[in-house]
Amino acid sequence: MQNLITEALYLILILSAPMLLAAIGTGLLISIFQATTQIQEQTLSFVPKIIATFVAVIWAGPRIATELEQFMVKVFGDISQMGPG
């Protein structure tokens, strides 16, 4: 059971990384742009991060689905091997 929880947490970190990195990278670029141009519009940083995250979801979606499918097959296989009580 401990191994399963560890694998689940590791999978969460790996699968969420593309979206997090896209949002962080976009936010950093927008912050640099805002600092150099002295534009302090809040929507200027919010909308590009949403778009970048959405693109990352579309780009990483097939891999995420495959990894989750493999993990669930493993989980159900482990559950079927457990005996009652």
Protein backbone atom coordinates (compact mmCIF):
# COMPACT_ATOMS: atom_id res chain seq x y z
CA MET A 1 0.00 0.00 0.00
CA GLN A 2 2.87 2.36 0.83
CA ASN A 3 4.43 1.74 -2.58
CA LEU A 4 1.12 2.50 -4.30
CA ILE A 5 0.79 5.85 -2.53
CA THR A 6 4.38 6.74 -3.39
CA GLU A 7 3.79 5.88 -7.04
CA ALA A 8 0.58 7.93 -7.09
CA LEU A 9 2.32 11.01 -5.68
CA TYR A 10 5.20 10.61 -8.12
CA LEU A 11 2.73 10.28 -11.00
CA ILE A 12 0.92 13.44 -9.89
CA LEU A 13 4.19 15.38 -9.88
CA ILE A 14 5.28 14.09 -13.28
CA LEU A 15 1.93 14.60 -15.00
CA SER A 16 1.33 18.08 -13.61
CA ALA A 17 4.81 19.31 -14.54
CA PRO A 18 4.06 20.41 -18.14
CA MET A 19 1.16 22.62 -17.05
CA LEU A 20 3.07 24.06 -14.11
CA LEU A 21 6.16 24.77 -16.18
CA ALA A 22 4.09 26.41 -18.92
CA ALA A 23 2.37 28.69 -16.40
CA ILE A 24 5.62 29.52 -14.58
CA GLY A 25 7.54 30.19 -17.79
CA THR A 26 4.78 32.35 -19.23
CA GLY A 27 4.41 34.24 -15.97
CA LEU A 28 8.14 34.89 -15.85
CA LEU A 29 8.22 36.18 -19.43
CA ILE A 30 5.19 38.41 -18.86
CA SER A 31 6.70 39.73 -15.61
CA ILE A 32 9.92 40.63 -17.40
CA PHE A 33 7.90 42.32 -20.15
CA GLN A 34 5.84 44.26 -17.60
CA ALA A 35 8.95 45.35 -15.70
CA THR A 36 10.70 46.60 -18.83
CA THR A 37 7.66 48.43 -20.22
CA GLN A 38 6.25 49.48 -16.82
CA ILE A 39 2.79 48.22 -17.81
CA GLN A 40 0.97 46.99 -14.69
CA GLU A 41 -2.18 45.50 -16.20
CA GLN A 42 -3.31 42.38 -14.30
CA THR A 43 -5.07 40.75 -17.25
CA LEU A 44 -1.84 40.95 -19.22
CA SER A 45 -0.34 38.30 -16.96
CA PHE A 46 -3.47 36.23 -16.34
CA VAL A 47 -4.72 35.55 -19.87
CA PRO A 48 -1.41 34.33 -21.38
CA LYS A 49 -0.89 31.94 -18.45
CA ILE A 50 -4.36 30.47 -19.00
CA ILE A 51 -3.66 30.06 -22.71
CA ALA A 52 -0.22 28.51 -22.10
CA THR A 53 -1.66 26.08 -19.56
CA PHE A 54 -4.45 25.11 -21.96
CA VAL A 55 -1.91 24.50 -24.75
CA ALA A 56 0.19 22.40 -22.37
CA VAL A 57 -2.87 20.30 -21.47
CA ILE A 58 -3.60 19.68 -25.14
CA TRP A 59 0.07 18.88 -25.86
CA ALA A 60 0.54 16.58 -22.85
CA GLY A 61 -2.98 15.12 -22.84
CA PRO A 62 -2.24 11.86 -24.69
CA ARG A 63 0.75 11.10 -22.46
CA ILE A 64 -1.26 11.91 -19.34
CA ALA A 65 -4.07 9.61 -20.46
CA THR A 66 -1.64 6.78 -21.22
CA GLU A 67 0.18 7.10 -17.89
CA LEU A 68 -3.10 7.24 -15.94
CA GLU A 69 -4.43 4.21 -17.79
CA GLN A 70 -1.30 2.19 -17.00
CA PHE A 71 -1.44 3.26 -13.36
CA MET A 72 -5.11 2.32 -13.02
CA VAL A 73 -4.48 -1.10 -14.59
CA LYS A 74 -1.75 -1.62 -11.99
CA VAL A 75 -4.02 -0.42 -9.15
CA PHE A 76 -6.87 -2.72 -10.19
CA GLY A 77 -4.42 -5.60 -10.57
CA ASP A 78 -3.11 -4.98 -7.05
CA ILE A 79 -6.65 -4.78 -5.66
CA SER A 80 -7.58 -8.09 -7.26
CA GLN A 81 -4.57 -9.76 -5.61
CA MET A 82 -5.56 -8.57 -2.14
CA GLY A 83 -7.50 -11.07 -0.14
CA PRO A 84 -10.43 -10.35 2.14
CA GLY A 85 -9.67 -8.81 5.54
